Amino acid sequence: MARRTGSGTTYFEYRTVTLPGSVSRGDVRRLLTDEAEYGRWELARTRVYVGGTRKVWLRRKAMKVPSTL
């Protein structure tokens, strides 16, 4: 998925993580911190549903590499 920023186009890749309501806030924070630190993901959106289930969208910049063939 591409999003325009300024004069150029920035491409992002997205990842969706669904967590059950039984997972504590501290564990969710630890998981998202690890994803951000080691996988270079950033938080794009978070949604908490009625049963306590959390759905988290993560994104990171993706390089658009031109073909050399």
PDB file of N, CA and C in Angstrom:
ATOM      1  N   MET A   1       0.838  -1.164   0.000  1.00  0.00           N
ATOM      2  CA  MET A   1       0.000   0.000   0.000  1.00  0.00           C
ATOM      3  C   MET A   1       0.891   1.237   0.000  1.00  0.00           C
ATOM      4  N   ALA A   2       0.579   2.217  -0.803  1.00  0.00           N
ATOM      5  CA  ALA A   2       1.396   3.425  -0.925  1.00  0.00           C
ATOM      6  C   ALA A   2       0.658   4.622  -0.350  1.00  0.00           C
ATOM      7  N   ARG A   3       1.418   5.506   0.265  1.00  0.00           N
ATOM      8  CA  ARG A   3       0.860   6.755   0.753  1.00  0.00           C
ATOM      9  C   ARG A   3       1.769   7.874   0.307  1.00  0.00           C
ATOM     10  N   ARG A   4       1.177   8.951  -0.176  1.00  0.00           N
ATOM     11  CA  ARG A   4       1.966  10.099  -0.612  1.00  0.00           C
ATOM     12  C   ARG A   4       2.324  10.964   0.583  1.00  0.00           C
ATOM     13  N   THR A   5       3.585  11.327   0.654  1.00  0.00           N
ATOM     14  CA  THR A   5       4.036  12.282   1.659  1.00  0.00           C
ATOM     15  C   THR A   5       4.942  13.292   0.976  1.00  0.00           C
ATOM     16  N   GLY A   6       4.571  14.536   1.022  1.00  0.00           N
ATOM     17  CA  GLY A   6       5.382  15.585   0.406  1.00  0.00           C
ATOM     18  C   GLY A   6       5.445  15.424  -1.101  1.00  0.00           C
ATOM     19  N   SER A   7       6.654  15.541  -1.657  1.00  0.00           N
ATOM     20  CA  SER A   7       6.810  15.464  -3.104  1.00  0.00           C
ATOM     21  C   SER A   7       6.977  14.034  -3.604  1.00  0.00           C
ATOM     22  N   GLY A   8       7.364  13.113  -2.732  1.00  0.00           N
ATOM     23  CA  GLY A   8       7.593  11.733  -3.163  1.00  0.00           C
ATOM     24  C   GLY A   8       6.510  10.790  -2.665  1.00  0.00           C
ATOM     25  N   THR A   9       6.679   9.517  -2.984  1.00  0.00           N
ATOM     26  CA  THR A   9       5.745   8.505  -2.526  1.00  0.00           C
ATOM     27  C   THR A   9       6.469   7.584  -1.562  1.00  0.00           C
ATOM     28  N   THR A  10       5.877   7.379  -0.401  1.00  0.00           N
ATOM     29  CA  THR A  10       6.426   6.484   0.597  1.00  0.00           C
ATOM     30  C   THR A  10       5.579   5.229   0.624  1.00  0.00           C
ATOM     31  N   TYR A  11       6.225   4.084   0.567  1.00  0.00           N
ATOM     32  CA  TYR A  11       5.514   2.819   0.586  1.00  0.00           C
ATOM     33  C   TYR A  11       5.625   2.195   1.966  1.00  0.00           C
ATOM     34  N   PHE A  12       4.506   1.703   2.477  1.00  0.00           N
ATOM     35  CA  PHE A  12       4.478   1.050   3.768  1.00  0.00           C
ATOM     36  C   PHE A  12       4.002  -0.384   3.599  1.00  0.00           C
ATOM     37  N   GLU A  13       4.545  -1.268   4.423  1.00  0.00           N
ATOM     38  CA  GLU A  13       3.978  -2.597   4.517  1.00  0.00           C
ATOM     39  C   GLU A  13       3.304  -2.685   5.879  1.00  0.00           C
ATOM     40  N   TYR A  14       2.178  -3.385   5.920  1.00  0.00           N
ATOM     41  CA  TYR A  14       1.353  -3.449   7.119  1.00  0.00           C
ATOM     42  C   TYR A  14       1.312  -4.857   7.671  1.00  0.00           C
ATOM     43  N   ARG A  15       1.157  -4.948   8.981  1.00  0.00           N
ATOM     44  CA  ARG A  15       1.022  -6.223   9.670  1.00  0.00           C
ATOM     45  C   ARG A  15      -0.071  -6.065  10.714  1.00  0.00           C
ATOM     46  N   THR A  16      -0.982  -7.020  10.785  1.00  0.00           N
ATOM     47  CA  THR A  16      -2.064  -6.990  11.751  1.00  0.00           C
ATOM     48  C   THR A  16      -1.816  -8.035  12.825  1.00  0.00           C
ATOM     49  N   VAL A  17      -1.922  -7.618  14.078  1.00  0.00           N
ATOM     50  CA  VAL A  17      -1.738  -8.515  15.219  1.00  0.00           C
ATOM     51  C   VAL A  17      -3.031  -8.497  16.026  1.00  0.00           C
ATOM     52  N   THR A  18      -3.602  -9.666  16.283  1.00  0.00           N
ATOM     53  CA  THR A  18      -4.807  -9.777  17.097  1.00  0.00           C
ATOM     54  C   THR A  18      -4.437 -10.449  18.410  1.00  0.00           C
ATOM     55  N   LEU A  19      -4.787  -9.802  19.515  1.00  0.00           N
ATOM     56  CA  LEU A  19      -4.441 -10.299  20.835  1.00  0.00           C
ATOM     57  C   LEU A  19      -5.712 -10.532  21.644  1.00  0.00           C
ATOM     58  N   PRO A  20      -5.814 -11.676  22.326  1.00  0.00           N
ATOM     59  CA  PRO A  20      -7.017 -11.945  23.132  1.00  0.00           C
ATOM     60  C   PRO A  20      -7.081 -11.036  24.352  1.00  0.00           C
ATOM     61  N   GLY A  21      -8.257 -10.933  24.935  1.00  0.00           N
ATOM     62  CA  GLY A  21      -8.456 -10.074  26.096  1.00  0.00           C
ATOM     63  C   GLY A  21      -7.729 -10.550  27.338  1.00  0.00           C
ATOM     64  N   SER A  22      -7.307 -11.802  27.350  1.00  0.00           N
ATOM     65  CA  SER A  22      -6.627 -12.348  28.526  1.00  0.00           C
ATOM     66  C   SER A  22      -5.173 -11.882  28.641  1.00  0.00           C
ATOM     67  N   VAL A  23      -4.645 -11.260  27.603  1.00  0.00           N
ATOM     68  CA  VAL A  23      -3.268 -10.764  27.621  1.00  0.00           C
ATOM     69  C   VAL A  23      -3.253  -9.424  28.358  1.00  0.00           C
ATOM     70  N   SER A  24      -2.346  -9.277  29.314  1.00  0.00           N
ATOM     71  CA  SER A  24      -2.297  -8.045  30.109  1.00  0.00           C
ATOM     72  C   SER A  24      -1.736  -6.883  29.292  1.00  0.00           C
ATOM     73  N   ARG A  25      -2.003  -5.672  29.775  1.00  0.00           N
ATOM     74  CA  ARG A  25      -1.512  -4.474  29.090  1.00  0.00           C
ATOM     75  C   ARG A  25       0.010  -4.446  29.064  1.00  0.00           C
ATOM     76  N   GLY A  26       0.629  -4.903  30.132  1.00  0.00           N
ATOM     77  CA  GLY A  26       2.095  -4.936  30.193  1.00  0.00           C
ATOM     78  C   GLY A  26       2.687  -5.872  29.160  1.00  0.00           C
ATOM     79  N   ASP A  27       2.043  -7.036  28.962  1.00  0.00           N
ATOM     80  CA  ASP A  27       2.516  -7.981  27.948  1.00  0.00           C
ATOM     81  C   ASP A  27       2.334  -7.428  26.540  1.00  0.00           C
ATOM     82  N   VAL A  28       1.219  -6.741  26.313  1.00  0.00           N
ATOM     83  CA  VAL A  28       0.982  -6.121  25.004  1.00  0.00           C
ATOM     84  C   VAL A  28       2.033  -5.045  24.749  1.00  0.00           C
ATOM     85  N   ARG A  29       2.304  -4.237  25.765  1.00  0.00           N
ATOM     86  CA  ARG A  29       3.310  -3.182  25.626  1.00  0.00           C
ATOM     87  C   ARG A  29       4.682  -3.770  25.325  1.00  0.00           C
ATOM     88  N   ARG A  30       5.025  -4.846  26.022  1.00  0.00           N
ATOM     89  CA  ARG A  30       6.317  -5.505  25.806  1.00  0.00           C
ATOM     90  C   ARG A  30       6.412  -6.067  24.384  1.00  0.00           C
ATOM     91  N   LEU A  31       5.350  -6.690  23.909  1.00  0.00           N
ATOM     92  CA  LEU A  31       5.321  -7.249  22.552  1.00  0.00           C
ATOM     93  C   LEU A  31       5.495  -6.152  21.502  1.00  0.00           C
ATOM     94  N   LEU A  32       4.749  -5.063  21.658  1.00  0.00           N
ATOM     95  CA  LEU A  32       4.825  -3.971  20.681  1.00  0.00           C
ATOM     96  C   LEU A  32       6.171  -3.255  20.738  1.00  0.00           C
ATOM     97  N   THR A  33       6.749  -3.152  21.918  1.00  0.00           N
ATOM     98  CA  THR A  33       8.080  -2.550  22.047  1.00  0.00           C
ATOM     99  C   THR A  33       9.123  -3.391  21.335  1.00  0.00           C
ATOM    100  N   ASP A  34       9.044  -4.709  21.488  1.00  0.00           N
ATOM    101  CA  ASP A  34       9.983  -5.598  20.796  1.00  0.00           C
ATOM    102  C   ASP A  34       9.827  -5.508  19.287  1.00  0.00           C
ATOM    103  N   GLU A  35       8.589  -5.455  18.811  1.00  0.00           N
ATOM    104  CA  GLU A  35       8.353  -5.335  17.367  1.00  0.00           C
ATOM    105  C   GLU A  35       8.925  -4.023  16.834  1.00  0.00           C
ATOM    106  N   ALA A  36       8.761  -2.954  17.596  1.00  0.00           N
ATOM    107  CA  ALA A  36       9.265  -1.654  17.154  1.00  0.00           C
ATOM    108  C   ALA A  36      10.792  -1.610  17.168  1.00  0.00           C
ATOM    109  N   GLU A  37      11.387  -2.201  18.204  1.00  0.00           N
ATOM    110  CA  GLU A  37      12.835  -2.121  18.351  1.00  0.00           C
ATOM    111  C   GLU A  37      13.578  -3.030  17.379  1.00  0.00           C
ATOM    112  N   TYR A  38      13.125  -4.263  17.245  1.00  0.00           N
ATOM    113  CA  TYR A  38      13.863  -5.241  16.439  1.00  0.00           C
ATOM    114  C   TYR A  38      13.329  -5.385  15.017  1.00  0.00           C
ATOM    115  N   GLY A  39      12.034  -5.167  14.813  1.00  0.00           N
ATOM    116  CA  GLY A  39      11.466  -5.327  13.482  1.00  0.00           C
ATOM    117  C   GLY A  39      11.239  -4.019  12.751  1.00  0.00           C
ATOM    118  N   ARG A  40      11.536  -2.906  13.434  1.00  0.00           N
ATOM    119  CA  ARG A  40      11.343  -1.560  12.877  1.00  0.00           C
ATOM    120  C   ARG A  40       9.895  -1.276  12.504  1.00  0.00           C
ATOM    121  N   TRP A  41       8.962  -1.835  13.257  1.00  0.00           N
ATOM    122  CA  TRP A  41       7.544  -1.567  13.045  1.00  0.00           C
ATOM    123  C   TRP A  41       7.148  -0.379  13.899  1.00  0.00           C
ATOM    124  N   GLU A  42       6.151   0.372  13.429  1.00  0.00           N
ATOM    125  CA  GLU A  42       5.587   1.456  14.226  1.00  0.00           C
ATOM    126  C   GLU A  42       4.081   1.254  14.316  1.00  0.00           C
ATOM    127  N   LEU A  43       3.497   1.761  15.357  1.00  0.00           N
ATOM    128  CA  LEU A  43       2.072   1.597  15.601  1.00  0.00           C
ATOM    129  C   LEU A  43       1.291   2.487  14.650  1.00  0.00           C
ATOM    130  N   ALA A  44       0.393   1.881  13.880  1.00  0.00           N
ATOM    131  CA  ALA A  44      -0.433   2.647  12.954  1.00  0.00           C
ATOM    132  C   ALA A  44      -1.836   2.847  13.518  1.00  0.00           C
ATOM    133  N   ARG A  45      -2.388   1.801  14.163  1.00  0.00           N
ATOM    134  CA  ARG A  45      -3.749   1.882  14.663  1.00  0.00           C
ATOM    135  C   ARG A  45      -3.971   0.790  15.702  1.00  0.00           C
ATOM    136  N   THR A  46      -4.808   1.076  16.688  1.00  0.00           N
ATOM    137  CA  THR A  46      -5.175   0.097  17.709  1.00  0.00           C
ATOM    138  C   THR A  46      -6.676   0.141  17.899  1.00  0.00           C
ATOM    139  N   ARG A  47      -7.255  -1.024  18.073  1.00  0.00           N
ATOM    140  CA  ARG A  47      -8.695  -1.105  18.298  1.00  0.00           C
ATOM    141  C   ARG A  47      -8.952  -2.110  19.406  1.00  0.00           C
ATOM    142  N   VAL A  48      -9.781  -1.756  20.376  1.00  0.00           N
ATOM    143  CA  VAL A  48     -10.158  -2.654  21.460  1.00  0.00           C
ATOM    144  C   VAL A  48     -11.634  -2.967  21.292  1.00  0.00           C
ATOM    145  N   TYR A  49     -11.959  -4.255  21.235  1.00  0.00           N
ATOM    146  CA  TYR A  49     -13.328  -4.694  21.026  1.00  0.00           C
ATOM    147  C   TYR A  49     -14.011  -4.976  22.359  1.00  0.00           C
ATOM    148  N   VAL A  50     -15.320  -5.213  22.328  1.00  0.00           N
ATOM    149  CA  VAL A  50     -16.138  -5.376  23.521  1.00  0.00           C
ATOM    150  C   VAL A  50     -15.628  -6.494  24.429  1.00  0.00           C
ATOM    151  N   GLY A  51     -15.234  -7.621  23.914  1.00  0.00           N
ATOM    152  CA  GLY A  51     -14.765  -8.732  24.720  1.00  0.00           C
ATOM    153  C   GLY A  51     -13.358  -8.546  25.269  1.00  0.00           C
ATOM    154  N   GLY A  52     -12.709  -7.444  24.958  1.00  0.00           N
ATOM    155  CA  GLY A  52     -11.355  -7.185  25.421  1.00  0.00           C
ATOM    156  C   GLY A  52     -10.296  -7.535  24.390  1.00  0.00           C
ATOM    157  N   THR A  53     -10.713  -8.100  23.260  1.00  0.00           N
ATOM    158  CA  THR A  53      -9.765  -8.437  22.196  1.00  0.00           C
ATOM    159  C   THR A  53      -9.187  -7.157  21.608  1.00  0.00           C
ATOM    160  N   ARG A  54      -7.880  -7.159  21.391  1.00  0.00           N
ATOM    161  CA  ARG A  54      -7.209  -6.009  20.788  1.00  0.00           C
ATOM    162  C   ARG A  54      -6.752  -6.373  19.382  1.00  0.00           C
ATOM    163  N   LYS A  55      -6.947  -5.445  18.467  1.00  0.00           N
ATOM    164  CA  LYS A  55      -6.433  -5.607  17.111  1.00  0.00           C
ATOM    165  C   LYS A  55      -5.497  -4.435  16.867  1.00  0.00           C
ATOM    166  N   VAL A  56      -4.261  -4.749  16.501  1.00  0.00           N
ATOM    167  CA  VAL A  56      -3.217  -3.733  16.350  1.00  0.00           C
ATOM    168  C   VAL A  56      -2.686  -3.794  14.930  1.00  0.00           C
ATOM    169  N   TRP A  57      -2.613  -2.632  14.264  1.00  0.00           N
ATOM    170  CA  TRP A  57      -2.024  -2.533  12.937  1.00  0.00           C
ATOM    171  C   TRP A  57      -0.657  -1.884  13.080  1.00  0.00           C
ATOM    172  N   LEU A  58       0.358  -2.558  12.568  1.00  0.00           N
ATOM    173  CA  LEU A  58       1.718  -2.043  12.580  1.00  0.00           C
ATOM    174  C   LEU A  58       2.127  -1.730  11.150  1.00  0.00           C
ATOM    175  N   ARG A  59       3.008  -0.762  10.980  1.00  0.00           N
ATOM    176  CA  ARG A  59       3.494  -0.443   9.638  1.00  0.00           C
ATOM    177  C   ARG A  59       4.974  -0.146   9.695  1.00  0.00           C
ATOM    178  N   ARG A  60       5.638  -0.321   8.561  1.00  0.00           N
ATOM    179  CA  ARG A  60       7.034   0.074   8.411  1.00  0.00           C
ATOM    180  C   ARG A  60       7.272   0.454   6.966  1.00  0.00           C
ATOM    181  N   LYS A  61       8.267   1.281   6.759  1.00  0.00           N
ATOM    182  CA  LYS A  61       8.582   1.715   5.405  1.00  0.00           C
ATOM    183  C   LYS A  61       9.155   0.547   4.619  1.00  0.00           C
ATOM    184  N   ALA A  62       8.709   0.425   3.383  1.00  0.00           N
ATOM    185  CA  ALA A  62       9.202  -0.623   2.503  1.00  0.00           C
ATOM    186  C   ALA A  62       9.937   0.042   1.353  1.00  0.00           C
ATOM    187  N   MET A  63      11.047  -0.546   0.990  1.00  0.00           N
ATOM    188  CA  MET A  63      11.833   0.007  -0.113  1.00  0.00           C
ATOM    189  C   MET A  63      11.286  -0.502  -1.434  1.00  0.00           C
ATOM    190  N   LYS A  64      11.109   0.385  -2.362  1.00  0.00           N
ATOM    191  CA  LYS A  64      10.692   0.025  -3.715  1.00  0.00           C
ATOM    192  C   LYS A  64      11.975  -0.097  -4.543  1.00  0.00           C
ATOM    193  N   VAL A  65      12.374  -1.327  -4.824  1.00  0.00           N
ATOM    194  CA  VAL A  65      13.622  -1.578  -5.515  1.00  0.00           C
ATOM    195  C   VAL A  65      13.338  -1.800  -6.994  1.00  0.00           C
ATOM    196  N   PRO A  66      13.941  -1.006  -7.870  1.00  0.00           N
ATOM    197  CA  PRO A  66      13.727  -1.198  -9.308  1.00  0.00           C
ATOM    198  C   PRO A  66      14.395  -2.495  -9.804  1.00  0.00           C
ATOM    199  N   SER A  67      13.796  -3.102 -10.777  1.00  0.00           N
ATOM    200  CA  SER A  67      14.323  -4.326 -11.349  1.00  0.00           C
ATOM    201  C   SER A  67      15.624  -4.066 -12.110  1.00  0.00           C
ATOM    202  N   THR A  68      16.584  -4.979 -11.977  1.00  0.00           N
ATOM    203  CA  THR A  68      17.846  -4.820 -12.674  1.00  0.00           C
ATOM    204  C   THR A  68      17.909  -5.671 -13.942  1.00  0.00           C
ATOM    205  N   LEU A  69      16.831  -6.362 -14.214  1.00  0.00           N
ATOM    206  CA  LEU A  69      16.806  -7.218 -15.409  1.00  0.00           C
ATOM    207  C   LEU A  69      16.278  -6.498 -16.612  1.00  0.00           C
TER     208      LEU A  69
END
